[in-house]
Each structure stands twice: as structure tokens, then as C-alpha cells.
């Protein structure tokens, strides 16, 4: 079929972030005649940093343009009545009595409308009327999902779908400081499908919005399969963590836990991949408190380079200390190489870190003493037991998180004509 896909992202394929789309875009390009990617929040004059297949075209909307038009877009919504038909009784009940929620809702609508207006200016050059069907695909269950809904309503086509993925910040309202995410009912009513990346996310949404149960379906992300990583008996245990250094990732707690292993008799090496404003602070902490072990902080690296590292270097344990997650791609990547994981029991993490089988879970509010104890006991497991865990990691990965299988299935699922 002569189908077209419009994919709305934040920055991909510009700059950094949204690395998981790098693999998915290949499968989307195979399933659709044409793919158009519009990055909706880029820098001015952005540089495209990721290659895309030949039948994929790329456009962008600068964040500065959205910011410039924001005041006027918000002003057009005053007073807070009606919200241009977006907010029904459920939304009015959700924001009633809270000026902050009303402002958040107004900002959310304004940003989505500006993005929508810019997309409508971009699309005519692609002659969408020449395609048999169009899928409007938002990578985030947030303001661009609302834009996808509006685009479906606007565009004249015999076959149209509006769909969105859902991850973490765009899914779990209780993780928001206001315990509120705008227009959940409106988007669910008007979109064709929402695809949380974990079963935990699907359960969360269906519990809150049971009337839209048939529109909510788990669609796991996935990572490339580079085969099994190295594993031999060794005198030095290599621990790896990988994330941007933000408060929610709590790498400082991992560093503190590792400091408590001084005098444990373990020979340790720690490598943390990922940068952030606190990288210098982390390096200074390591110099002062982790001098008994080898520490490496390569900072931000390309995802392809990270996977080559896992392939060519033995890693004994991967650790994730986040206070909130969807279903971490970083753990999928580690599991794909057979690397056992210790991770906080948050979001959908337990769907891949199966306690005692592929690694070990720890409470979200763990103490650093408890984490240090768990690291030590895991590293001291018999070689045969660790090999079993590593084999389990591969099995779970191949069954549930291999990109070729997951993304190919998803690409066929979201075609407008089946």
C-alpha cells in the first residue's frame, strides 16, 4: 500500500536524545512508502546528527519559535473557559480550584497549537493527498500527541490513524509536581491508540481510564542484538551505570554505596556513561571517596559506541538507581549482552529485571548500606550461578526486547490500511 507516516519527535534526528528511535526508524521506513519526521523542539539552525533511510524526510520546528509565540497563544485562551473545546467536564474537574493547573493546561494547549500550526505550514510540500493512508505518530503522550489528534482531524484522507507512545514523564501523573497531566480524557477519546512501553504503564492507564481500555496496548521498545558479551573469571569486578546525570537518576547514591565497599576485599572498577551538570562533582567525589577502586567517567558517547564497549569489554554488573522509570532502554541494552542488573523497583523495571533470574531489585527508597550489601552479595555469587543469570538475561531479551522483532511488529500494527 502507498502509506505515509508522520512521526513527531522532540529532537530526533537532531542533537542528542531519543536514541531508541535510531533503530525503530529503520523498521518504519521498511513498512511505509514514505516517512516524514518533524522534530518539534530543536535548537536554532540544528545539526542533524543521526542518519535516516532514503525514504525518510526530515523537518524541524525551533523551540525559540514556539517560545516567541507562546504569550499570544496563552492570551487567546483567557478567561479560563472552554479551552477551545478541548476541556470537557473531566478536565474542568481536574483543574478546579487550582490556578497552577489551569496555567499548566493553558500552556499545554498553547504549545500544542503552535506546533500544530507550524506542521500545517510544513506538510504541503509533501503532497500527502497522494497517499492511500496516513498515520500521525507522536513519540510522546504529551503536547505533540494532541497535535497528532488535530492533524488527523484536519487532513482529508480515506485512511488515517493518530497514535502515540507513552513512556514515563508523559504517562505517570503522580510523578508530576501537580499530580496532573493535561487533557488525558480528551486525547484518549480522540486518538486511535496509546502504546505504553511497559505493561506497568498499560495497567496504570487502564486503571485510571477503563472506558478506553481498548485503545491502550503495551508496545515494548527494543535494542539491536550484538550478541553475548565477554564473561570470564576475573580478579576485578567491573560495574557499569549509564544515564544522564539528573536528580531522578541518583547516581550520587550509587557512588556513596560504592564507597561503603572500601575494605570489603573486593577489587572493583566502575564506569559511568553519561554527562550532565554534576559530572565534575561526581568526579571529585570519586577522587576523594573511591580512590580504592578504578573509576572512569567517559561522559556522553554515541549509542553505537556504548554497544561496542559492551561487546568488547567484560561487564559484571549493571546498576540503575532511578527514582522513576518507564522501562529502561539502558537495562535492555545491558541484558542483550547478558549483563546482570541491580535496579530500583520502579515503573516497568521489574518486567526486565526479574528478581533472582536476570538480576536483583531494590526498593526505590533504598539505603546506600543496603545497595552496597546487594552489590557485594551479587558479585560474590558462584561463577556458575552468575552464568545462569547471564543466560537468563539473553533469553528474556530475545523474547521481549529485541528491536528487529518488536519494531517490525509495531510498524505493521500502526499502518493505516491493513
Protein backbone atom coordinates (compact mmCIF):
# COMPACT_ATOMS: atom_id res chain seq x y z
CA UNK A 1 0.00 0.00 0.00
CA UNK A 2 1.06 3.59 -0.65
CA UNK A 3 1.13 4.65 3.01
CA UNK A 4 2.76 7.65 4.66
CA UNK A 5 3.89 8.03 8.27
CA UNK A 6 4.32 11.38 10.01
CA UNK A 7 6.50 10.93 13.11
CA UNK A 8 6.59 13.75 15.68
CA UNK A 9 9.65 13.78 17.96
CA UNK A 10 11.30 16.28 20.28
CA UNK A 11 14.76 16.44 18.69
CA UNK A 12 15.46 13.30 16.71
CA UNK A 13 17.35 13.14 14.38
CA UNK A 14 18.98 16.39 15.55
CA UNK A 15 21.25 16.84 18.55
CA UNK A 16 21.17 14.20 21.28
CA UNK A 17 18.48 12.14 22.92
CA UNK A 18 15.73 9.81 21.74
CA UNK A 19 18.43 7.31 20.78
CA UNK A 20 15.89 4.49 20.76
CA UNK A 21 14.31 5.95 17.61
CA UNK A 22 17.57 5.29 15.72
CA UNK A 23 16.70 1.60 15.44
CA UNK A 24 12.93 1.97 15.08
CA UNK A 25 13.17 4.38 12.15
CA UNK A 26 14.74 1.63 10.03
CA UNK A 27 11.72 -0.65 10.52
CA UNK A 28 9.25 2.19 9.95
CA UNK A 29 10.97 3.02 6.67
CA UNK A 30 10.60 -0.58 5.52
CA UNK A 31 6.86 -0.68 6.29
CA UNK A 32 5.83 2.73 4.90
CA UNK A 33 6.27 4.12 1.41
CA UNK A 34 7.17 7.50 2.90
CA UNK A 35 8.19 8.62 6.40
CA UNK A 36 8.29 12.27 7.45
CA UNK A 37 9.99 13.12 10.73
CA UNK A 38 9.30 16.51 12.29
CA UNK A 39 11.40 17.35 15.34
CA UNK A 40 9.23 19.79 17.29
CA UNK A 41 11.67 21.35 19.78
CA UNK A 42 15.11 21.87 18.25
CA UNK A 43 17.79 24.48 18.63
CA UNK A 44 18.03 27.25 16.06
CA UNK A 45 19.91 26.01 12.98
CA UNK A 46 20.14 22.46 14.33
CA UNK A 47 22.64 19.94 13.01
CA UNK A 48 21.31 16.53 12.01
CA UNK A 49 23.39 14.03 13.96
CA UNK A 50 21.66 10.76 13.02
CA UNK A 51 21.34 9.25 9.57
CA UNK A 52 17.91 8.15 8.32
CA UNK A 53 16.84 5.81 5.48
CA UNK A 54 16.42 7.20 1.96
CA UNK A 55 12.61 7.35 2.07
CA UNK A 56 12.65 9.42 5.27
CA UNK A 57 12.42 13.21 5.06
CA UNK A 58 13.27 15.45 7.99
CA UNK A 59 11.95 18.85 9.10
CA UNK A 60 12.12 20.75 12.33
CA UNK A 61 10.43 23.39 14.46
CA UNK A 62 12.71 25.57 16.57
CA UNK A 63 11.96 25.81 20.26
CA UNK A 64 12.65 29.55 20.04
CA UNK A 65 9.78 29.96 17.57
CA UNK A 66 7.42 28.16 19.94
CA UNK A 67 8.62 30.32 22.83
CA UNK A 68 8.21 33.52 20.79
CA UNK A 69 4.57 32.72 20.03
CA UNK A 70 3.70 31.36 23.47
CA UNK A 71 2.46 34.53 25.17
CA UNK A 72 -0.02 35.29 22.41
CA UNK A 73 -1.27 31.69 22.26
CA UNK A 74 -1.88 31.63 26.01
CA UNK A 75 -3.52 35.07 26.00
CA UNK A 76 -6.07 33.86 23.45
CA UNK A 77 -7.35 31.34 26.00
CA UNK A 78 -8.26 33.84 28.74
CA UNK A 79 -10.55 33.72 30.61
CA UNK A 80 -10.26 30.02 31.54
CA UNK A 81 -13.47 28.84 29.95
CA UNK A 82 -13.89 26.22 27.31
CA UNK A 83 -10.24 25.87 26.28
CA UNK A 84 -11.35 25.87 22.64
CA UNK A 85 -13.43 22.76 23.14
CA UNK A 86 -10.57 20.61 24.45
CA UNK A 87 -11.60 20.54 28.09
CA UNK A 88 -14.80 18.71 28.99
CA UNK A 89 -16.24 18.23 32.45
CA UNK A 90 -13.44 15.81 33.41
CA UNK A 91 -10.77 18.37 32.65
CA UNK A 92 -12.61 21.20 34.38
CA UNK A 93 -13.00 19.00 37.44
CA UNK A 94 -9.27 18.17 37.37
CA UNK A 95 -8.18 21.83 37.35
CA UNK A 96 -10.95 23.26 39.51
CA UNK A 97 -9.60 25.41 42.32
CA UNK A 98 -6.00 25.27 41.13
CA UNK A 99 -4.59 28.26 39.27
CA UNK A 100 -1.34 26.36 38.67
CA UNK A 101 -3.17 23.52 36.94
CA UNK A 102 -5.17 25.98 34.85
CA UNK A 103 -1.98 27.71 33.76
CA UNK A 104 -0.36 24.35 33.02
CA UNK A 105 -3.35 23.33 30.92
CA UNK A 106 -3.31 26.64 29.08
CA UNK A 107 0.44 26.33 28.40
CA UNK A 108 -0.01 22.74 27.22
CA UNK A 109 -2.74 23.70 24.74
CA UNK A 110 -0.86 26.78 23.55
CA UNK A 111 2.35 24.85 22.88
CA UNK A 112 0.48 22.11 21.02
CA UNK A 113 -1.40 24.63 18.88
CA UNK A 114 1.80 26.45 17.91
CA UNK A 115 3.44 23.15 16.93
CA UNK A 116 0.31 22.15 15.01
CA UNK A 117 0.26 25.45 13.11
CA UNK A 118 3.92 25.05 12.13
CA UNK A 119 3.37 21.47 10.97
CA UNK A 120 0.45 22.55 8.79
CA UNK A 121 2.83 25.03 7.10
CA UNK A 122 5.44 22.31 6.52
CA UNK A 123 3.31 19.48 5.16
CA UNK A 124 2.00 20.85 1.82
CA UNK A 125 5.36 20.26 0.14
CA UNK A 126 4.96 16.53 0.77
CA UNK A 127 1.66 16.22 -1.14
CA UNK A 128 0.06 13.91 1.41
CA UNK A 129 -3.09 13.68 -0.71
CA UNK A 130 -1.17 11.33 -2.98
CA UNK A 131 -1.02 8.59 -0.35
CA UNK A 132 -3.68 5.95 0.29
CA UNK A 133 -3.32 6.28 4.06
CA UNK A 134 -1.57 8.42 6.68
CA UNK A 135 -0.51 7.58 10.23
CA UNK A 136 0.14 10.52 12.58
CA UNK A 137 2.55 9.13 15.19
CA UNK A 138 3.55 11.08 18.30
CA UNK A 139 6.54 9.64 20.10
CA UNK A 140 5.36 11.16 23.39
CA UNK A 141 1.95 11.09 25.10
CA UNK A 142 2.14 14.82 25.65
CA UNK A 143 1.51 18.06 23.72
CA UNK A 144 2.59 16.58 20.39
CA UNK A 145 0.04 13.78 20.87
CA UNK A 146 -2.63 16.50 20.93
CA UNK A 147 -1.10 17.88 17.72
CA UNK A 148 -1.33 14.41 16.14
CA UNK A 149 -5.04 14.25 17.02
CA UNK A 150 -5.65 17.64 15.43
CA UNK A 151 -3.70 16.69 12.30
CA UNK A 152 -5.84 13.60 11.82
CA UNK A 153 -8.99 15.73 12.06
CA UNK A 154 -7.58 18.34 9.69
CA UNK A 155 -6.23 16.13 6.93
CA UNK A 156 -8.53 14.73 4.28
CA UNK A 157 -7.64 11.12 3.63
CA UNK A 158 -9.54 7.88 3.20
CA UNK A 159 -7.49 6.12 5.87
CA UNK A 160 -6.00 7.92 8.84
CA UNK A 161 -4.66 6.91 12.24
CA UNK A 162 -3.43 9.02 15.17
CA UNK A 163 -1.32 7.09 17.66
CA UNK A 164 1.17 7.80 20.43
CA UNK A 165 3.74 6.01 22.50
CA UNK A 166 3.87 6.64 26.26
CA UNK A 167 7.00 6.39 28.40
CA UNK A 168 7.39 7.93 31.87
CA UNK A 169 7.04 11.69 32.44
CA UNK A 170 4.30 11.74 29.80
CA UNK A 171 2.48 8.81 31.41
CA UNK A 172 2.62 8.79 35.21
CA UNK A 173 0.72 11.83 36.50
CA UNK A 174 1.80 11.19 40.11
CA UNK A 175 5.39 11.86 39.07
CA UNK A 176 4.38 15.40 38.10
CA UNK A 177 4.70 18.03 40.82
CA UNK A 178 1.00 18.90 40.36
CA UNK A 179 -0.08 15.25 40.18
CA UNK A 180 -1.72 16.22 36.91
CA UNK A 181 -1.16 15.78 33.19
CA UNK A 182 -3.40 17.82 30.87
CA UNK A 183 -6.10 16.51 28.55
CA UNK A 184 -5.80 12.79 29.28
CA UNK A 185 -9.52 12.23 28.63
CA UNK A 186 -9.58 14.39 25.52
CA UNK A 187 -6.57 12.74 23.91
CA UNK A 188 -7.72 9.23 24.79
CA UNK A 189 -11.17 9.95 23.40
CA UNK A 190 -9.85 11.26 20.10
CA UNK A 191 -6.71 9.22 19.46
CA UNK A 192 -6.81 5.75 17.92
CA UNK A 193 -4.24 4.07 20.13
CA UNK A 194 -1.86 4.73 23.05
CA UNK A 195 1.14 2.40 23.33
CA UNK A 196 2.85 2.43 26.76
CA UNK A 197 6.35 0.97 26.64
CA UNK A 198 5.69 -1.31 29.63
CA UNK A 199 2.87 -3.45 30.96
CA UNK A 200 3.09 -1.40 34.15
CA UNK A 201 2.26 1.69 32.09
CA UNK A 202 -0.64 -0.07 30.39
CA UNK A 203 -2.05 -1.23 33.74
CA UNK A 204 -1.69 2.29 35.13
CA UNK A 205 -3.61 3.89 32.26
CA UNK A 206 -6.35 1.26 32.08
CA UNK A 207 -6.94 1.52 35.83
CA UNK A 208 -7.41 5.28 35.51
CA UNK A 209 -9.34 5.25 32.24
CA UNK A 210 -11.11 1.86 31.99
CA UNK A 211 -13.53 3.18 29.39
CA UNK A 212 -10.61 3.50 26.95
CA UNK A 213 -9.13 0.09 27.70
CA UNK A 214 -9.45 -1.00 24.06
CA UNK A 215 -7.25 1.92 22.98
CA UNK A 216 -4.32 1.10 25.30
CA UNK A 217 -1.82 -1.59 24.37
CA UNK A 218 1.73 -2.36 25.52
CA UNK A 219 4.42 -1.96 22.86
CA UNK A 220 7.91 -2.66 24.17
CA UNK A 221 10.85 -0.75 22.81
CA UNK A 222 13.91 -2.75 21.81
CA UNK A 223 17.63 -2.66 21.16
CA UNK A 224 19.87 -4.15 18.49
CA UNK A 225 21.29 -7.59 19.11
CA UNK A 226 25.09 -7.56 19.08
CA UNK A 227 25.42 -10.98 20.69
CA UNK A 228 26.74 -12.06 24.08
CA UNK A 229 29.32 -10.02 25.94
CA UNK A 230 32.54 -11.35 27.42
CA UNK A 231 32.43 -13.21 30.72
CA UNK A 232 35.37 -14.93 32.40
CA UNK A 233 36.54 -15.39 35.94
CA UNK A 234 38.44 -12.28 36.94
CA UNK A 235 40.05 -10.65 39.94
CA UNK A 236 38.45 -7.27 39.23
CA UNK A 237 34.67 -6.83 39.13
CA UNK A 238 33.52 -4.28 36.57
CA UNK A 239 30.37 -2.28 37.38
CA UNK A 240 28.70 -0.04 34.78
CA UNK A 241 25.96 2.59 35.03
CA UNK A 242 24.58 4.61 32.14
CA UNK A 243 22.34 7.68 32.28
CA UNK A 244 22.28 11.45 32.11
CA UNK A 245 23.26 12.88 35.47
CA UNK A 246 19.95 14.25 36.72
CA UNK A 247 18.38 14.23 40.17
CA UNK A 248 15.96 11.46 39.22
CA UNK A 249 18.82 9.09 38.31
CA UNK A 250 20.51 9.41 41.74
CA UNK A 251 24.00 8.37 40.64
CA UNK A 252 25.29 10.13 43.74
CA UNK A 253 23.65 7.37 45.80
CA UNK A 254 25.39 4.72 43.73
CA UNK A 255 28.72 6.46 44.32
CA UNK A 256 28.01 6.60 48.05
CA UNK A 257 27.08 2.90 48.11
CA UNK A 258 30.31 2.01 46.31
CA UNK A 259 32.30 4.00 48.88
CA UNK A 260 30.95 1.67 51.55
CA UNK A 261 32.70 -1.26 49.85
CA UNK A 262 36.09 0.12 50.86
CA UNK A 263 37.67 -2.61 52.94
CA UNK A 264 35.31 -5.30 51.58
CA UNK A 265 38.16 -7.16 49.93
CA UNK A 266 36.58 -6.73 46.50
CA UNK A 267 38.66 -5.38 43.66
CA UNK A 268 36.33 -3.02 41.82
CA UNK A 269 36.13 -0.93 38.68
CA UNK A 270 33.27 1.48 37.99
CA UNK A 271 32.47 3.05 34.62
CA UNK A 272 29.67 5.57 34.31
CA UNK A 273 28.49 6.62 30.86
CA UNK A 274 26.59 9.89 30.61
CA UNK A 275 27.18 13.56 31.24
CA UNK A 276 25.36 16.38 32.94
CA UNK A 277 25.90 19.43 35.09
CA UNK A 278 27.01 17.29 38.05
CA UNK A 279 29.74 15.36 36.24
CA UNK A 280 32.58 17.37 37.80
CA UNK A 281 31.02 16.96 41.24
CA UNK A 282 30.82 13.19 40.70
CA UNK A 283 34.45 13.04 39.56
CA UNK A 284 35.56 14.99 42.63
CA UNK A 285 33.57 12.69 44.91
CA UNK A 286 35.25 9.68 43.31
CA UNK A 287 38.73 11.15 43.79
CA UNK A 288 38.05 11.69 47.47
CA UNK A 289 35.97 8.64 48.38
CA UNK A 290 36.59 5.98 45.74
CA UNK A 291 40.37 6.07 45.43
CA UNK A 292 40.48 2.38 46.43
CA UNK A 293 38.92 1.42 43.06
CA UNK A 294 39.29 2.37 39.42
CA UNK A 295 36.70 4.92 38.24
CA UNK A 296 36.08 6.06 34.68
CA UNK A 297 33.69 8.79 33.52
CA UNK A 298 33.69 8.96 29.70
CA UNK A 299 30.72 11.35 29.68
CA UNK A 300 28.27 11.39 26.76
CA UNK A 301 29.03 8.91 24.00
CA UNK A 302 27.23 7.77 20.89
CA UNK A 303 24.88 4.87 21.47
CA UNK A 304 26.72 2.79 18.86
CA UNK A 305 29.98 3.33 20.75
CA UNK A 306 28.34 2.26 24.00
CA UNK A 307 27.18 -1.01 22.46
CA UNK A 308 30.65 -1.66 21.03
CA UNK A 309 32.03 -1.13 24.52
CA UNK A 310 29.68 -3.74 25.98
CA UNK A 311 30.70 -6.16 23.23
CA UNK A 312 34.44 -5.69 23.68
CA UNK A 313 34.75 -5.25 27.46
CA UNK A 314 33.67 -7.54 30.27
CA UNK A 315 30.97 -6.02 32.45
CA UNK A 316 29.99 -7.97 35.55
CA UNK A 317 27.09 -5.86 36.78
CA UNK A 318 24.88 -3.02 35.53
CA UNK A 319 23.23 -0.76 38.13
CA UNK A 320 20.25 1.60 37.80
CA UNK A 321 19.31 3.73 40.81
CA UNK A 322 16.49 5.83 39.32
CA UNK A 323 13.59 7.02 41.45
CA UNK A 324 11.30 6.78 38.41
CA UNK A 325 11.37 4.89 35.11
CA UNK A 326 9.19 3.64 32.31
CA UNK A 327 11.04 0.54 31.15
CA UNK A 328 14.71 1.50 30.85
CA UNK A 329 16.35 1.06 27.46
CA UNK A 330 19.70 1.15 29.25
CA UNK A 331 18.77 -2.10 31.02
CA UNK A 332 17.55 -3.65 27.75
CA UNK A 333 20.97 -2.89 26.28
CA UNK A 334 22.78 -4.46 29.23
CA UNK A 335 20.54 -7.54 29.18
CA UNK A 336 21.13 -8.01 25.47
CA UNK A 337 24.80 -8.70 26.25
CA UNK A 338 23.91 -10.98 29.16
CA UNK A 339 24.88 -8.47 31.84
CA UNK A 340 23.04 -8.95 35.17
CA UNK A 341 21.38 -5.86 36.64
CA UNK A 342 20.60 -4.35 40.01
CA UNK A 343 17.81 -1.80 39.69
CA UNK A 344 15.19 0.05 41.68
CA UNK A 345 11.71 -1.46 41.62
CA UNK A 346 10.03 1.44 39.81
CA UNK A 347 7.78 1.69 36.75
CA UNK A 348 8.12 -1.31 34.47
CA UNK A 349 11.68 -2.20 35.54
CA UNK A 350 10.60 -5.48 37.15
CA UNK A 351 9.39 -6.66 33.75
CA UNK A 352 13.02 -7.00 32.65
CA UNK A 353 14.93 -7.18 35.96
CA UNK A 354 13.27 -10.34 37.22
CA UNK A 355 14.40 -10.73 40.82
CA UNK A 356 16.84 -13.61 41.17
CA UNK A 357 16.57 -14.51 37.46
CA UNK A 358 18.07 -11.63 35.44
CA UNK A 359 19.30 -9.59 38.39
CA UNK A 360 18.02 -8.13 41.63
CA UNK A 361 15.52 -5.44 42.54
CA UNK A 362 15.91 -2.95 45.36
CA UNK A 363 13.28 -0.67 46.90
CA UNK A 364 13.02 2.79 45.38
CA UNK A 365 13.81 4.35 48.77
CA UNK A 366 16.83 2.11 49.37
CA UNK A 367 19.60 2.96 51.79
CA UNK A 368 23.13 3.11 50.43
CA UNK A 369 24.14 0.47 53.00
CA UNK A 370 21.50 -1.87 51.55
CA UNK A 371 22.67 -1.21 48.00
CA UNK A 372 26.30 -1.80 48.96
CA UNK A 373 25.32 -5.11 50.59
CA UNK A 374 23.38 -6.18 47.48
CA UNK A 375 26.27 -5.27 45.15
CA UNK A 376 28.68 -7.32 47.23
CA UNK A 377 26.43 -10.37 47.54
CA UNK A 378 25.70 -10.32 43.79
CA UNK A 379 29.34 -10.06 42.75
CA UNK A 380 30.27 -12.91 45.11
CA UNK A 381 27.74 -15.34 43.65
CA UNK A 382 29.38 -18.54 42.34
CA UNK A 383 30.57 -18.36 38.74
CA UNK A 384 28.03 -20.97 37.64
CA UNK A 385 25.15 -19.02 39.23
CA UNK A 386 26.24 -15.82 37.55
CA UNK A 387 26.47 -17.66 34.24
CA UNK A 388 22.87 -18.84 34.72
CA UNK A 389 21.75 -15.26 35.35
CA UNK A 390 23.61 -14.07 32.28
CA UNK A 391 21.94 -16.75 30.15
CA UNK A 392 18.55 -15.71 31.58
CA UNK A 393 19.25 -12.11 30.60
CA UNK A 394 19.79 -13.16 27.00
CA UNK A 395 16.66 -15.29 26.94
CA UNK A 396 14.43 -12.54 28.35
CA UNK A 397 15.97 -10.03 25.96
CA UNK A 398 15.48 -12.18 22.87
CA UNK A 399 11.89 -12.99 23.79
CA UNK A 400 10.76 -9.48 24.68
CA UNK A 401 13.19 -6.67 23.83
CA UNK A 402 14.92 -7.47 20.54
CA UNK A 403 14.46 -4.47 18.26
CA UNK A 404 14.09 -6.33 14.97
CA UNK A 405 11.11 -8.28 16.26
CA UNK A 406 9.46 -5.53 18.33
CA UNK A 407 9.79 -2.65 15.87
CA UNK A 408 8.84 -4.71 12.83
CA UNK A 409 5.66 -5.85 14.59
CA UNK A 410 4.88 -2.31 15.74
CA UNK A 411 5.42 -0.81 12.28
CA UNK A 412 2.87 -3.20 10.81
CA UNK A 413 0.46 -2.57 13.69
CA UNK A 414 0.29 1.19 13.05
CA UNK A 415 -0.27 1.06 9.30
CA UNK A 416 -3.47 2.92 8.34
CA UNK A 417 -4.50 0.19 5.91
CA UNK A 418 -4.19 -3.44 6.94
